[in-house]
Structures are given as C-alpha cells and as structure tokens.
Amino acid sequence: MLMSGFNSLVGLLFIGMLVFAVVAFVFAAIAREDAYRAASKQSKQFWLIILGITVVVDLLLPMLFLQIAGLIATIVFMVDVRPALQQVSGGGRGGRRGSSSDGPYGPYNGGR
C-alpha cells in the first residue's frame, strides 16, 4: 500500500515536469527571434531544441537522470531567459512599459 502511494506521487511528479516543459516550450516558441538576440541569450532555435528534447524525454524515456537535466534546463529558461525576453519585448506588468522614474510600486514623483 505504501509503495502504490509512492508510485502515484512519483507519477504526478513526472506529469508535472512534463507540463512544465511543455509550457516552457510554448513560451519559447511564441517569443520573437530578435528578442533573444536583444536579451543576449542563446538563440530561439537553441531553446526550442533543448526544450523539445526535454518534452520528448519526459514523454518517451523514463530515465530519471535525463528528466532531471531537462527540468534544470526548463527552470533556467523560465527563471532567466523568459523574464529577459519579456523585458526586451515590453511584456509583463499588464503589457505597459514603465518610465525611467518608475519604482517597484509605481511612478516616483519626487516626494510631492
């Protein structure tokens, strides 16, 4: 009984890793090619290949080492590359671009 519960937990983990990789792949696919160059990140093709391999490994090859390597690549994309692409593309924060006087809580008005 304990092993069946553990196996179902591991199965849910693998499904979560697959969904996370698919979401990252979609984000990589919809970003513009020039945004990757402007953000000084690897090319769009590079990330599509890495994340595509991750999705295929998660679907077809239940090898934990490869799945963990793919998870690390997915986390790097989502934590480092995607925010840089959004910043270069003007995305994030409701799609508006902030001015140079914007602070973390809105525009800075000089204490007035």
PDB file of N, CA and C in Angstrom:
ATOM      1  N   MET A   1       0.823  -1.185   0.000  1.00  0.00           N
ATOM      2  CA  MET A   1       0.000   0.000   0.000  1.00  0.00           C
ATOM      3  C   MET A   1       0.876   1.261   0.000  1.00  0.00           C
ATOM      4  N   LEU A   2       1.929   1.259   0.769  1.00  0.00           N
ATOM      5  CA  LEU A   2       2.822   2.397   0.824  1.00  0.00           C
ATOM      6  C   LEU A   2       3.508   2.617  -0.526  1.00  0.00           C
ATOM      7  N   MET A   3       3.912   1.532  -1.165  1.00  0.00           N
ATOM      8  CA  MET A   3       4.587   1.652  -2.468  1.00  0.00           C
ATOM      9  C   MET A   3       3.639   2.178  -3.537  1.00  0.00           C
ATOM     10  N   SER A   4       2.375   1.786  -3.501  1.00  0.00           N
ATOM     11  CA  SER A   4       1.443   2.291  -4.510  1.00  0.00           C
ATOM     12  C   SER A   4       1.219   3.793  -4.324  1.00  0.00           C
ATOM     13  N   GLY A   5       1.181   4.247  -3.081  1.00  0.00           N
ATOM     14  CA  GLY A   5       1.070   5.682  -2.836  1.00  0.00           C
ATOM     15  C   GLY A   5       2.297   6.434  -3.297  1.00  0.00           C
ATOM     16  N   PHE A   6       3.467   5.855  -3.064  1.00  0.00           N
ATOM     17  CA  PHE A   6       4.714   6.468  -3.516  1.00  0.00           C
ATOM     18  C   PHE A   6       4.776   6.509  -5.037  1.00  0.00           C
ATOM     19  N   ASN A   7       4.372   5.413  -5.682  1.00  0.00           N
ATOM     20  CA  ASN A   7       4.391   5.376  -7.149  1.00  0.00           C
ATOM     21  C   ASN A   7       3.431   6.388  -7.753  1.00  0.00           C
ATOM     22  N   SER A   8       2.281   6.587  -7.122  1.00  0.00           N
ATOM     23  CA  SER A   8       1.363   7.590  -7.652  1.00  0.00           C
ATOM     24  C   SER A   8       1.919   8.999  -7.450  1.00  0.00           C
ATOM     25  N   LEU A   9       2.631   9.222  -6.350  1.00  0.00           N
ATOM     26  CA  LEU A   9       3.259  10.523  -6.125  1.00  0.00           C
ATOM     27  C   LEU A   9       4.356  10.785  -7.156  1.00  0.00           C
ATOM     28  N   VAL A  10       5.164   9.783  -7.433  1.00  0.00           N
ATOM     29  CA  VAL A  10       6.222   9.914  -8.436  1.00  0.00           C
ATOM     30  C   VAL A  10       5.602  10.131  -9.817  1.00  0.00           C
ATOM     31  N   GLY A  11       4.515   9.436 -10.100  1.00  0.00           N
ATOM     32  CA  GLY A  11       3.820   9.640 -11.376  1.00  0.00           C
ATOM     33  C   GLY A  11       3.315  11.059 -11.529  1.00  0.00           C
ATOM     34  N   LEU A  12       2.765  11.617 -10.464  1.00  0.00           N
ATOM     35  CA  LEU A  12       2.316  13.010 -10.506  1.00  0.00           C
ATOM     36  C   LEU A  12       3.483  13.968 -10.700  1.00  0.00           C
ATOM     37  N   LEU A  13       4.612  13.666 -10.089  1.00  0.00           N
ATOM     38  CA  LEU A  13       5.809  14.489 -10.280  1.00  0.00           C
ATOM     39  C   LEU A  13       6.255  14.486 -11.730  1.00  0.00           C
ATOM     40  N   PHE A  14       6.257  13.303 -12.345  1.00  0.00           N
ATOM     41  CA  PHE A  14       6.663  13.204 -13.748  1.00  0.00           C
ATOM     42  C   PHE A  14       5.687  13.945 -14.657  1.00  0.00           C
ATOM     43  N   ILE A  15       4.398  13.865 -14.360  1.00  0.00           N
ATOM     44  CA  ILE A  15       3.405  14.603 -15.148  1.00  0.00           C
ATOM     45  C   ILE A  15       3.610  16.106 -14.968  1.00  0.00           C
ATOM     46  N   GLY A  16       3.893  16.531 -13.755  1.00  0.00           N
ATOM     47  CA  GLY A  16       4.158  17.953 -13.508  1.00  0.00           C
ATOM     48  C   GLY A  16       5.377  18.449 -14.264  1.00  0.00           C
ATOM     49  N   MET A  17       6.430  17.625 -14.298  1.00  0.00           N
ATOM     50  CA  MET A  17       7.631  18.005 -15.047  1.00  0.00           C
ATOM     51  C   MET A  17       7.326  18.097 -16.540  1.00  0.00           C
ATOM     52  N   LEU A  18       6.493  17.197 -17.053  1.00  0.00           N
ATOM     53  CA  LEU A  18       6.120  17.234 -18.466  1.00  0.00           C
ATOM     54  C   LEU A  18       5.325  18.494 -18.781  1.00  0.00           C
ATOM     55  N   VAL A  19       4.348  18.821 -17.954  1.00  0.00           N
ATOM     56  CA  VAL A  19       3.532  20.015 -18.180  1.00  0.00           C
ATOM     57  C   VAL A  19       4.397  21.270 -18.119  1.00  0.00           C
ATOM     58  N   PHE A  20       5.314  21.333 -17.154  1.00  0.00           N
ATOM     59  CA  PHE A  20       6.216  22.473 -17.013  1.00  0.00           C
ATOM     60  C   PHE A  20       7.079  22.632 -18.269  1.00  0.00           C
ATOM     61  N   ALA A  21       7.580  21.520 -18.814  1.00  0.00           N
ATOM     62  CA  ALA A  21       8.403  21.567 -20.022  1.00  0.00           C
ATOM     63  C   ALA A  21       7.584  21.996 -21.234  1.00  0.00           C
ATOM     64  N   VAL A  22       6.352  21.528 -21.335  1.00  0.00           N
ATOM     65  CA  VAL A  22       5.501  21.914 -22.464  1.00  0.00           C
ATOM     66  C   VAL A  22       5.187  23.409 -22.403  1.00  0.00           C
ATOM     67  N   VAL A  23       4.887  23.911 -21.212  1.00  0.00           N
ATOM     68  CA  VAL A  23       4.601  25.347 -21.058  1.00  0.00           C
ATOM     69  C   VAL A  23       5.831  26.173 -21.440  1.00  0.00           C
ATOM     70  N   ALA A  24       7.005  25.757 -20.996  1.00  0.00           N
ATOM     71  CA  ALA A  24       8.238  26.477 -21.345  1.00  0.00           C
ATOM     72  C   ALA A  24       8.480  26.425 -22.852  1.00  0.00           C
ATOM     73  N   PHE A  25       8.218  25.278 -23.471  1.00  0.00           N
ATOM     74  CA  PHE A  25       8.389  25.146 -24.925  1.00  0.00           C
ATOM     75  C   PHE A  25       7.452  26.102 -25.662  1.00  0.00           C
ATOM     76  N   VAL A  26       6.221  26.208 -25.208  1.00  0.00           N
ATOM     77  CA  VAL A  26       5.263  27.125 -25.851  1.00  0.00           C
ATOM     78  C   VAL A  26       5.726  28.562 -25.698  1.00  0.00           C
ATOM     79  N   PHE A  27       6.179  28.940 -24.495  1.00  0.00           N
ATOM     80  CA  PHE A  27       6.692  30.303 -24.295  1.00  0.00           C
ATOM     81  C   PHE A  27       7.895  30.571 -25.198  1.00  0.00           C
ATOM     82  N   ALA A  28       8.778  29.587 -25.341  1.00  0.00           N
ATOM     83  CA  ALA A  28       9.945  29.755 -26.208  1.00  0.00           C
ATOM     84  C   ALA A  28       9.526  29.893 -27.661  1.00  0.00           C
ATOM     85  N   ALA A  29       8.487  29.177 -28.055  1.00  0.00           N
ATOM     86  CA  ALA A  29       8.043  29.211 -29.448  1.00  0.00           C
ATOM     87  C   ALA A  29       7.358  30.521 -29.814  1.00  0.00           C
ATOM     88  N   ILE A  30       6.643  31.136 -28.876  1.00  0.00           N
ATOM     89  CA  ILE A  30       5.898  32.350 -29.227  1.00  0.00           C
ATOM     90  C   ILE A  30       6.731  33.622 -29.089  1.00  0.00           C
ATOM     91  N   ALA A  31       7.892  33.527 -28.458  1.00  0.00           N
ATOM     92  CA  ALA A  31       8.757  34.712 -28.340  1.00  0.00           C
ATOM     93  C   ALA A  31       9.400  35.016 -29.694  1.00  0.00           C
ATOM     94  N   ARG A  32       9.649  36.289 -29.929  1.00  0.00           N
ATOM     95  CA  ARG A  32      10.260  36.708 -31.195  1.00  0.00           C
ATOM     96  C   ARG A  32      11.741  36.349 -31.215  1.00  0.00           C
ATOM     97  N   GLU A  33      12.249  36.040 -32.389  1.00  0.00           N
ATOM     98  CA  GLU A  33      13.663  35.668 -32.556  1.00  0.00           C
ATOM     99  C   GLU A  33      14.583  36.827 -32.180  1.00  0.00           C
ATOM    100  N   ASP A  34      14.225  38.039 -32.562  1.00  0.00           N
ATOM    101  CA  ASP A  34      15.092  39.177 -32.267  1.00  0.00           C
ATOM    102  C   ASP A  34      15.142  39.501 -30.773  1.00  0.00           C
ATOM    103  N   ALA A  35      14.136  39.084 -30.018  1.00  0.00           N
ATOM    104  CA  ALA A  35      14.148  39.312 -28.565  1.00  0.00           C
ATOM    105  C   ALA A  35      15.257  38.500 -27.901  1.00  0.00           C
ATOM    106  N   TYR A  36      15.534  37.315 -28.418  1.00  0.00           N
ATOM    107  CA  TYR A  36      16.617  36.501 -27.868  1.00  0.00           C
ATOM    108  C   TYR A  36      17.963  37.202 -28.064  1.00  0.00           C
ATOM    109  N   ARG A  37      18.166  37.756 -29.259  1.00  0.00           N
ATOM    110  CA  ARG A  37      19.421  38.477 -29.520  1.00  0.00           C
ATOM    111  C   ARG A  37      19.506  39.750 -28.691  1.00  0.00           C
ATOM    112  N   ALA A  38      18.394  40.480 -28.573  1.00  0.00           N
ATOM    113  CA  ALA A  38      18.397  41.725 -27.811  1.00  0.00           C
ATOM    114  C   ALA A  38      18.633  41.473 -26.318  1.00  0.00           C
ATOM    115  N   ALA A  39      18.193  40.327 -25.818  1.00  0.00           N
ATOM    116  CA  ALA A  39      18.376  39.999 -24.405  1.00  0.00           C
ATOM    117  C   ALA A  39      19.711  39.314 -24.145  1.00  0.00           C
ATOM    118  N   SER A  40      20.511  39.134 -25.185  1.00  0.00           N
ATOM    119  CA  SER A  40      21.822  38.474 -25.088  1.00  0.00           C
ATOM    120  C   SER A  40      21.699  37.061 -24.513  1.00  0.00           C
ATOM    121  N   LYS A  41      20.719  36.327 -25.011  1.00  0.00           N
ATOM    122  CA  LYS A  41      20.509  34.939 -24.609  1.00  0.00           C
ATOM    123  C   LYS A  41      20.797  34.041 -25.809  1.00  0.00           C
ATOM    124  N   GLN A  42      20.832  32.735 -25.566  1.00  0.00           N
ATOM    125  CA  GLN A  42      21.012  31.799 -26.672  1.00  0.00           C
ATOM    126  C   GLN A  42      19.875  31.990 -27.674  1.00  0.00           C
ATOM    127  N   SER A  43      20.039  31.463 -28.872  1.00  0.00           N
ATOM    128  CA  SER A  43      19.068  31.682 -29.932  1.00  0.00           C
ATOM    129  C   SER A  43      17.751  30.964 -29.645  1.00  0.00           C
ATOM    130  N   LYS A  44      16.730  31.376 -30.356  1.00  0.00           N
ATOM    131  CA  LYS A  44      15.414  30.747 -30.231  1.00  0.00           C
ATOM    132  C   LYS A  44      15.500  29.280 -30.615  1.00  0.00           C
ATOM    133  N   GLN A  45      16.232  28.990 -31.689  1.00  0.00           N
ATOM    134  CA  GLN A  45      16.388  27.608 -32.146  1.00  0.00           C
ATOM    135  C   GLN A  45      17.035  26.743 -31.056  1.00  0.00           C
ATOM    136  N   PHE A  46      18.039  27.263 -30.377  1.00  0.00           N
ATOM    137  CA  PHE A  46      18.702  26.529 -29.302  1.00  0.00           C
ATOM    138  C   PHE A  46      17.703  26.133 -28.222  1.00  0.00           C
ATOM    139  N   TRP A  47      16.913  27.103 -27.752  1.00  0.00           N
ATOM    140  CA  TRP A  47      15.964  26.819 -26.677  1.00  0.00           C
ATOM    141  C   TRP A  47      14.839  25.908 -27.141  1.00  0.00           C
ATOM    142  N   LEU A  48      14.400  26.046 -28.399  1.00  0.00           N
ATOM    143  CA  LEU A  48      13.371  25.133 -28.892  1.00  0.00           C
ATOM    144  C   LEU A  48      13.884  23.701 -28.960  1.00  0.00           C
ATOM    145  N   ILE A  49      15.143  23.524 -29.355  1.00  0.00           N
ATOM    146  CA  ILE A  49      15.718  22.180 -29.407  1.00  0.00           C
ATOM    147  C   ILE A  49      15.852  21.602 -28.004  1.00  0.00           C
ATOM    148  N   ILE A  50      16.417  22.371 -27.078  1.00  0.00           N
ATOM    149  CA  ILE A  50      16.615  21.884 -25.707  1.00  0.00           C
ATOM    150  C   ILE A  50      15.282  21.541 -25.056  1.00  0.00           C
ATOM    151  N   LEU A  51      14.314  22.446 -25.155  1.00  0.00           N
ATOM    152  CA  LEU A  51      13.024  22.204 -24.515  1.00  0.00           C
ATOM    153  C   LEU A  51      12.228  21.124 -25.246  1.00  0.00           C
ATOM    154  N   GLY A  52      12.386  21.019 -26.558  1.00  0.00           N
ATOM    155  CA  GLY A  52      11.736  19.939 -27.306  1.00  0.00           C
ATOM    156  C   GLY A  52      12.282  18.580 -26.913  1.00  0.00           C
ATOM    157  N   ILE A  53      13.597  18.489 -26.759  1.00  0.00           N
ATOM    158  CA  ILE A  53      14.204  17.235 -26.302  1.00  0.00           C
ATOM    159  C   ILE A  53      13.703  16.900 -24.900  1.00  0.00           C
ATOM    160  N   THR A  54      13.570  17.907 -24.061  1.00  0.00           N
ATOM    161  CA  THR A  54      13.056  17.688 -22.709  1.00  0.00           C
ATOM    162  C   THR A  54      11.644  17.110 -22.745  1.00  0.00           C
ATOM    163  N   VAL A  55      10.787  17.651 -23.601  1.00  0.00           N
ATOM    164  CA  VAL A  55       9.413  17.144 -23.707  1.00  0.00           C
ATOM    165  C   VAL A  55       9.417  15.697 -24.198  1.00  0.00           C
ATOM    166  N   VAL A  56      10.235  15.406 -25.213  1.00  0.00           N
ATOM    167  CA  VAL A  56      10.297  14.045 -25.746  1.00  0.00           C
ATOM    168  C   VAL A  56      10.818  13.073 -24.690  1.00  0.00           C
ATOM    169  N   VAL A  57      11.855  13.459 -23.964  1.00  0.00           N
ATOM    170  CA  VAL A  57      12.400  12.593 -22.914  1.00  0.00           C
ATOM    171  C   VAL A  57      11.353  12.356 -21.833  1.00  0.00           C
ATOM    172  N   ASP A  58      10.636  13.412 -21.431  1.00  0.00           N
ATOM    173  CA  ASP A  58       9.612  13.254 -20.404  1.00  0.00           C
ATOM    174  C   ASP A  58       8.475  12.341 -20.869  1.00  0.00           C
ATOM    175  N   LEU A  59       8.187  12.370 -22.169  1.00  0.00           N
ATOM    176  CA  LEU A  59       7.108  11.532 -22.701  1.00  0.00           C
ATOM    177  C   LEU A  59       7.541  10.089 -22.940  1.00  0.00           C
ATOM    178  N   LEU A  60       8.720   9.896 -23.520  1.00  0.00           N
ATOM    179  CA  LEU A  60       9.082   8.576 -24.041  1.00  0.00           C
ATOM    180  C   LEU A  60      10.152   7.833 -23.263  1.00  0.00           C
ATOM    181  N   LEU A  61      11.082   8.535 -22.640  1.00  0.00           N
ATOM    182  CA  LEU A  61      12.193   7.870 -21.969  1.00  0.00           C
ATOM    183  C   LEU A  61      12.146   8.126 -20.468  1.00  0.00           C
ATOM    184  N   PRO A  62      11.623   7.209 -19.717  1.00  0.00           N
ATOM    185  CA  PRO A  62      11.561   7.444 -18.266  1.00  0.00           C
ATOM    186  C   PRO A  62      12.910   7.220 -17.586  1.00  0.00           C
ATOM    187  N   MET A  63      13.897   8.008 -18.001  1.00  0.00           N
ATOM    188  CA  MET A  63      15.229   7.935 -17.396  1.00  0.00           C
ATOM    189  C   MET A  63      15.385   9.152 -16.490  1.00  0.00           C
ATOM    190  N   LEU A  64      15.474   8.909 -15.205  1.00  0.00           N
ATOM    191  CA  LEU A  64      15.444   9.987 -14.223  1.00  0.00           C
ATOM    192  C   LEU A  64      16.559  11.007 -14.441  1.00  0.00           C
ATOM    193  N   PHE A  65      17.759  10.557 -14.784  1.00  0.00           N
ATOM    194  CA  PHE A  65      18.878  11.487 -14.992  1.00  0.00           C
ATOM    195  C   PHE A  65      18.570  12.469 -16.124  1.00  0.00           C
ATOM    196  N   LEU A  66      18.046  11.966 -17.237  1.00  0.00           N
ATOM    197  CA  LEU A  66      17.722  12.844 -18.358  1.00  0.00           C
ATOM    198  C   LEU A  66      16.553  13.766 -18.020  1.00  0.00           C
ATOM    199  N   GLN A  67      15.599  13.257 -17.253  1.00  0.00           N
ATOM    200  CA  GLN A  67      14.470  14.087 -16.878  1.00  0.00           C
ATOM    201  C   GLN A  67      14.893  15.222 -15.942  1.00  0.00           C
ATOM    202  N   ILE A  68      15.813  14.944 -15.046  1.00  0.00           N
ATOM    203  CA  ILE A  68      16.299  15.989 -14.139  1.00  0.00           C
ATOM    204  C   ILE A  68      17.117  17.025 -14.909  1.00  0.00           C
ATOM    205  N   ALA A  69      17.925  16.576 -15.861  1.00  0.00           N
ATOM    206  CA  ALA A  69      18.682  17.517 -16.699  1.00  0.00           C
ATOM    207  C   ALA A  69      17.727  18.409 -17.486  1.00  0.00           C
ATOM    208  N   GLY A  70      16.657  17.834 -18.009  1.00  0.00           N
ATOM    209  CA  GLY A  70      15.652  18.620 -18.719  1.00  0.00           C
ATOM    210  C   GLY A  70      14.919  19.572 -17.802  1.00  0.00           C
ATOM    211  N   LEU A  71      14.650  19.139 -16.574  1.00  0.00           N
ATOM    212  CA  LEU A  71      13.996  20.009 -15.606  1.00  0.00           C
ATOM    213  C   LEU A  71      14.871  21.214 -15.279  1.00  0.00           C
ATOM    214  N   ILE A  72      16.164  20.990 -15.158  1.00  0.00           N
ATOM    215  CA  ILE A  72      17.087  22.102 -14.891  1.00  0.00           C
ATOM    216  C   ILE A  72      17.087  23.083 -16.057  1.00  0.00           C
ATOM    217  N   ALA A  73      17.105  22.570 -17.287  1.00  0.00           N
ATOM    218  CA  ALA A  73      17.063  23.446 -18.460  1.00  0.00           C
ATOM    219  C   ALA A  73      15.751  24.227 -18.507  1.00  0.00           C
ATOM    220  N   THR A  74      14.660  23.575 -18.155  1.00  0.00           N
ATOM    221  CA  THR A  74      13.358  24.245 -18.144  1.00  0.00           C
ATOM    222  C   THR A  74      13.318  25.346 -17.088  1.00  0.00           C
ATOM    223  N   ILE A  75      13.863  25.059 -15.921  1.00  0.00           N
ATOM    224  CA  ILE A  75      13.899  26.070 -14.857  1.00  0.00           C
ATOM    225  C   ILE A  75      14.761  27.256 -15.278  1.00  0.00           C
ATOM    226  N   VAL A  76      15.898  26.993 -15.904  1.00  0.00           N
ATOM    227  CA  VAL A  76      16.768  28.088 -16.375  1.00  0.00           C
ATOM    228  C   VAL A  76      16.015  28.956 -17.369  1.00  0.00           C
ATOM    229  N   PHE A  77      15.291  28.317 -18.288  1.00  0.00           N
ATOM    230  CA  PHE A  77      14.540  29.100 -19.265  1.00  0.00           C
ATOM    231  C   PHE A  77      13.481  29.959 -18.579  1.00  0.00           C
ATOM    232  N   MET A  78      12.714  29.367 -17.678  1.00  0.00           N
ATOM    233  CA  MET A  78      11.598  30.086 -17.066  1.00  0.00           C
ATOM    234  C   MET A  78      12.053  31.174 -16.090  1.00  0.00           C
ATOM    235  N   VAL A  79      13.192  30.971 -15.437  1.00  0.00           N
ATOM    236  CA  VAL A  79      13.644  31.916 -14.413  1.00  0.00           C
ATOM    237  C   VAL A  79      14.575  32.986 -14.986  1.00  0.00           C
ATOM    238  N   ASP A  80      15.358  32.642 -15.994  1.00  0.00           N
ATOM    239  CA  ASP A  80      16.350  33.583 -16.523  1.00  0.00           C
ATOM    240  C   ASP A  80      15.972  34.120 -17.900  1.00  0.00           C
ATOM    241  N   VAL A  81      15.707  33.249 -18.835  1.00  0.00           N
ATOM    242  CA  VAL A  81      15.520  33.665 -20.227  1.00  0.00           C
ATOM    243  C   VAL A  81      14.169  34.331 -20.438  1.00  0.00           C
ATOM    244  N   ARG A  82      13.098  33.729 -19.954  1.00  0.00           N
ATOM    245  CA  ARG A  82      11.767  34.273 -20.199  1.00  0.00           C
ATOM    246  C   ARG A  82      11.595  35.683 -19.636  1.00  0.00           C
ATOM    247  N   PRO A  83      12.015  35.969 -18.382  1.00  0.00           N
ATOM    248  CA  PRO A  83      11.890  37.354 -17.909  1.00  0.00           C
ATOM    249  C   PRO A  83      12.711  38.344 -18.742  1.00  0.00           C
ATOM    250  N   ALA A  84      13.889  37.921 -19.201  1.00  0.00           N
ATOM    251  CA  ALA A  84      14.699  38.803 -20.048  1.00  0.00           C
ATOM    252  C   ALA A  84      14.003  39.067 -21.374  1.00  0.00           C
ATOM    253  N   LEU A  85      13.367  38.046 -21.932  1.00  0.00           N
ATOM    254  CA  LEU A  85      12.632  38.224 -23.187  1.00  0.00           C
ATOM    255  C   LEU A  85      11.441  39.154 -22.986  1.00  0.00           C
ATOM    256  N   GLN A  86      10.756  39.007 -21.868  1.00  0.00           N
ATOM    257  CA  GLN A  86       9.618  39.880 -21.584  1.00  0.00           C
ATOM    258  C   GLN A  86      10.063  41.323 -21.398  1.00  0.00           C
ATOM    259  N   GLN A  87      11.195  41.521 -20.740  1.00  0.00           N
ATOM    260  CA  GLN A  87      11.680  42.877 -20.516  1.00  0.00           C
ATOM    261  C   GLN A  87      12.058  43.541 -21.844  1.00  0.00           C
ATOM    262  N   VAL A  88      12.718  42.794 -22.718  1.00  0.00           N
ATOM    263  CA  VAL A  88      13.120  43.336 -24.012  1.00  0.00           C
ATOM    264  C   VAL A  88      11.910  43.584 -24.904  1.00  0.00           C
ATOM    265  N   SER A  89      10.918  42.696 -24.817  1.00  0.00           N
ATOM    266  CA  SER A  89       9.740  42.802 -25.669  1.00  0.00           C
ATOM    267  C   SER A  89       8.714  43.787 -25.135  1.00  0.00           C
ATOM    268  N   GLY A  90       8.899  44.283 -23.923  1.00  0.00           N
ATOM    269  CA  GLY A  90       7.940  45.218 -23.345  1.00  0.00           C
ATOM    270  C   GLY A  90       6.777  44.511 -22.686  1.00  0.00           C
ATOM    271  N   GLY A  91       6.891  43.211 -22.431  1.00  0.00           N
ATOM    272  CA  GLY A  91       5.815  42.466 -21.784  1.00  0.00           C
ATOM    273  C   GLY A  91       5.891  42.589 -20.285  1.00  0.00           C
ATOM    274  N   GLY A  92       4.950  41.968 -19.630  1.00  0.00           N
ATOM    275  CA  GLY A  92       4.924  41.981 -18.169  1.00  0.00           C
ATOM    276  C   GLY A  92       4.211  43.208 -17.640  1.00  0.00           C
ATOM    277  N   ARG A  93       3.761  43.146 -16.411  1.00  0.00           N
ATOM    278  CA  ARG A  93       3.054  44.244 -15.730  1.00  0.00           C
ATOM    279  C   ARG A  93       1.919  44.799 -16.570  1.00  0.00           C
ATOM    280  N   GLY A  94       1.081  43.903 -17.058  1.00  0.00           N
ATOM    281  CA  GLY A  94      -0.092  44.336 -17.812  1.00  0.00           C
ATOM    282  C   GLY A  94       0.228  44.840 -19.201  1.00  0.00           C
ATOM    283  N   GLY A  95       1.421  44.574 -19.694  1.00  0.00           N
ATOM    284  CA  GLY A  95       1.776  44.972 -21.041  1.00  0.00           C
ATOM    285  C   GLY A  95       2.196  46.419 -21.177  1.00  0.00           C
ATOM    286  N   ARG A  96       2.243  47.172 -20.077  1.00  0.00           N
ATOM    287  CA  ARG A  96       2.644  48.575 -20.200  1.00  0.00           C
ATOM    288  C   ARG A  96       4.140  48.695 -19.963  1.00  0.00           C
ATOM    289  N   ARG A  97       4.715  49.662 -20.573  1.00  0.00           N
ATOM    290  CA  ARG A  97       6.137  49.941 -20.371  1.00  0.00           C
ATOM    291  C   ARG A  97       6.268  51.009 -19.323  1.00  0.00           C
ATOM    292  N   GLY A  98       7.122  50.790 -18.366  1.00  0.00           N
ATOM    293  CA  GLY A  98       7.341  51.780 -17.326  1.00  0.00           C
ATOM    294  C   GLY A  98       8.313  52.841 -17.785  1.00  0.00           C
ATOM    295  N   SER A  99       8.208  54.000 -17.152  1.00  0.00           N
ATOM    296  CA  SER A  99       9.162  55.053 -17.484  1.00  0.00           C
ATOM    297  C   SER A  99      10.412  54.877 -16.624  1.00  0.00           C
ATOM    298  N   SER A 100      11.410  55.706 -16.880  1.00  0.00           N
ATOM    299  CA  SER A 100      12.659  55.591 -16.133  1.00  0.00           C
ATOM    300  C   SER A 100      12.490  56.004 -14.675  1.00  0.00           C
ATOM    301  N   SER A 101      11.399  56.694 -14.340  1.00  0.00           N
ATOM    302  CA  SER A 101      11.186  57.113 -12.958  1.00  0.00           C
ATOM    303  C   SER A 101      10.292  56.152 -12.182  1.00  0.00           C
ATOM    304  N   ASP A 102       9.931  55.008 -12.783  1.00  0.00           N
ATOM    305  CA  ASP A 102       9.085  54.047 -12.085  1.00  0.00           C
ATOM    306  C   ASP A 102       9.889  53.271 -11.061  1.00  0.00           C
ATOM    307  N   GLY A 103       9.338  53.188  -9.877  1.00  0.00           N
ATOM    308  CA  GLY A 103       9.938  52.384  -8.823  1.00  0.00           C
ATOM    309  C   GLY A 103       9.216  51.049  -8.755  1.00  0.00           C
ATOM    310  N   PRO A 104       9.509  50.264  -7.733  1.00  0.00           N
ATOM    311  CA  PRO A 104       8.879  48.945  -7.630  1.00  0.00           C
ATOM    312  C   PRO A 104       7.378  49.016  -7.340  1.00  0.00           C
ATOM    313  N   TYR A 105       6.886  50.161  -6.847  1.00  0.00           N
ATOM    314  CA  TYR A 105       5.472  50.292  -6.508  1.00  0.00           C
ATOM    315  C   TYR A 105       4.760  51.322  -7.354  1.00  0.00           C
ATOM    316  N   GLY A 106       5.361  51.739  -8.443  1.00  0.00           N
ATOM    317  CA  GLY A 106       4.722  52.713  -9.330  1.00  0.00           C
ATOM    318  C   GLY A 106       5.651  53.885  -9.590  1.00  0.00           C
ATOM    319  N   PRO A 107       5.105  54.929 -10.189  1.00  0.00           N
ATOM    320  CA  PRO A 107       5.932  56.071 -10.549  1.00  0.00           C
ATOM    321  C   PRO A 107       6.437  56.833  -9.323  1.00  0.00           C
ATOM    322  N   TYR A 108       7.652  57.294  -9.421  1.00  0.00           N
ATOM    323  CA  TYR A 108       8.251  58.103  -8.363  1.00  0.00           C
ATOM    324  C   TYR A 108       8.002  59.567  -8.695  1.00  0.00           C
ATOM    325  N   ASN A 109       7.397  60.300  -7.763  1.00  0.00           N
ATOM    326  CA  ASN A 109       7.059  61.683  -8.059  1.00  0.00           C
ATOM    327  C   ASN A 109       7.907  62.675  -7.309  1.00  0.00           C
ATOM    328  N   GLY A 110       9.030  62.269  -6.744  1.00  0.00           N
ATOM    329  CA  GLY A 110       9.952  63.176  -6.092  1.00  0.00           C
ATOM    330  C   GLY A 110       9.475  63.671  -4.740  1.00  0.00           C
ATOM    331  N   GLY A 111       8.587  62.943  -4.083  1.00  0.00           N
ATOM    332  CA  GLY A 111       8.127  63.319  -2.754  1.00  0.00           C
ATOM    333  C   GLY A 111       7.070  64.416  -2.767  1.00  0.00           C
ATOM    334  N   ARG A 112       6.476  64.674  -3.904  1.00  0.00           N
ATOM    335  CA  ARG A 112       5.449  65.727  -3.981  1.00  0.00           C
ATOM    336  C   ARG A 112       4.101  65.205  -3.638  1.00  0.00           C
TER     337      ARG A 112
END
